[in-house]
């Protein structure tokens, strides 16, 4: 269950439109800042393949200028080894 949090920066004057785009995606929760053009995005996907598909969709958002990961966590695999996403 990969869980990531990001700072999402919208394109100029597009914060509300970006919030609509992000809210329409499965496995996403958003928290827009009240006094800045920034959105906190938290993703919680059931598995790595779903996470990869979500990442591809995020890259294609029309109103997103940049996305910076603030935190990432992924459960250990069955052998107790860390997966690619752990920080």
Protein backbone atom coordinates (compact mmCIF):
# COMPACT_ATOMS: atom_id res chain seq x y z
CA UNK A 1 0.00 0.00 0.00
CA UNK A 2 2.07 2.93 -1.27
CA UNK A 3 1.31 6.23 0.44
CA UNK A 4 2.81 9.46 -0.85
CA UNK A 5 2.33 13.13 -0.13
CA UNK A 6 3.16 15.92 -2.55
CA UNK A 7 3.15 19.66 -2.90
CA UNK A 8 1.25 20.34 -6.11
CA UNK A 9 1.87 23.69 -7.77
CA UNK A 10 -0.84 24.74 -10.25
CA UNK A 11 -0.23 26.69 -13.41
CA UNK A 12 -0.96 30.43 -13.12
CA UNK A 13 -4.51 31.14 -11.96
CA UNK A 14 -5.42 27.43 -12.16
CA UNK A 15 -5.57 26.32 -8.52
CA UNK A 16 -9.32 25.62 -8.54
CA UNK A 17 -9.11 23.75 -11.84
CA UNK A 18 -6.20 21.67 -10.54
CA UNK A 19 -8.20 20.81 -7.41
CA UNK A 20 -11.05 19.59 -9.61
CA UNK A 21 -8.67 17.45 -11.68
CA UNK A 22 -7.01 15.94 -8.61
CA UNK A 23 -10.33 15.32 -6.84
CA UNK A 24 -11.54 13.33 -9.85
CA UNK A 25 -8.69 10.82 -9.49
CA UNK A 26 -9.11 7.65 -7.43
CA UNK A 27 -6.79 7.16 -4.44
CA UNK A 28 -6.21 10.91 -4.03
CA UNK A 29 -7.03 13.31 -1.23
CA UNK A 30 -6.33 17.02 -1.58
CA UNK A 31 -5.94 19.87 0.87
CA UNK A 32 -5.71 23.27 -0.85
CA UNK A 33 -3.83 25.98 1.02
CA UNK A 34 -5.99 28.92 2.06
CA UNK A 35 -3.42 31.64 1.46
CA UNK A 36 -1.10 30.24 -1.24
CA UNK A 37 -1.38 28.78 -4.73
CA UNK A 38 -0.43 25.31 -3.55
CA UNK A 39 -2.26 22.05 -2.97
CA UNK A 40 -1.20 19.22 -0.68
CA UNK A 41 -1.91 15.90 -2.38
CA UNK A 42 -1.92 12.57 -0.52
CA UNK A 43 -2.16 9.36 -2.51
CA UNK A 44 -2.93 5.94 -1.05
CA UNK A 45 -2.99 3.12 -3.59
CA UNK A 46 -3.58 -0.60 -2.91
CA UNK A 47 -0.55 -1.85 -4.86
CA UNK A 48 2.44 -0.79 -6.92
CA UNK A 49 0.78 -1.29 -10.32
CA UNK A 50 -2.09 1.02 -9.31
CA UNK A 51 0.49 3.53 -8.07
CA UNK A 52 2.29 3.47 -11.42
CA UNK A 53 -0.97 4.08 -13.30
CA UNK A 54 -1.80 6.97 -10.97
CA UNK A 55 1.65 8.50 -11.53
CA UNK A 56 1.07 8.42 -15.28
CA UNK A 57 -2.28 10.18 -14.88
CA UNK A 58 -0.73 12.84 -12.61
CA UNK A 59 1.92 13.62 -15.24
CA UNK A 60 -0.82 14.36 -17.78
CA UNK A 61 -2.87 16.83 -15.71
CA UNK A 62 -3.50 19.97 -17.71
CA UNK A 63 -3.38 22.46 -14.82
CA UNK A 64 -0.38 21.04 -12.92
CA UNK A 65 2.87 23.01 -13.16
CA UNK A 66 4.98 20.88 -10.81
CA UNK A 67 4.68 18.10 -8.25
CA UNK A 68 7.21 17.65 -5.45
CA UNK A 69 7.17 14.59 -3.24
CA UNK A 70 7.18 15.45 0.46
CA UNK A 71 6.93 11.91 1.86
CA UNK A 72 6.77 8.36 0.54
CA UNK A 73 6.05 5.03 2.23
CA UNK A 74 5.51 1.55 0.90
CA UNK A 75 5.00 -1.64 2.90
CA UNK A 76 7.76 -4.22 2.83
CA UNK A 77 7.33 -7.03 0.38
CA UNK A 78 6.65 -10.64 1.48
CA UNK A 79 10.36 -11.33 2.05
CA UNK A 80 10.74 -8.35 4.40
CA UNK A 81 12.78 -6.39 1.87
CA UNK A 82 12.17 -2.73 1.21
CA UNK A 83 10.47 -1.82 -2.04
CA UNK A 84 11.54 0.84 -4.54
CA UNK A 85 9.38 3.64 -3.11
CA UNK A 86 10.57 3.70 0.50
CA UNK A 87 12.52 6.73 1.56
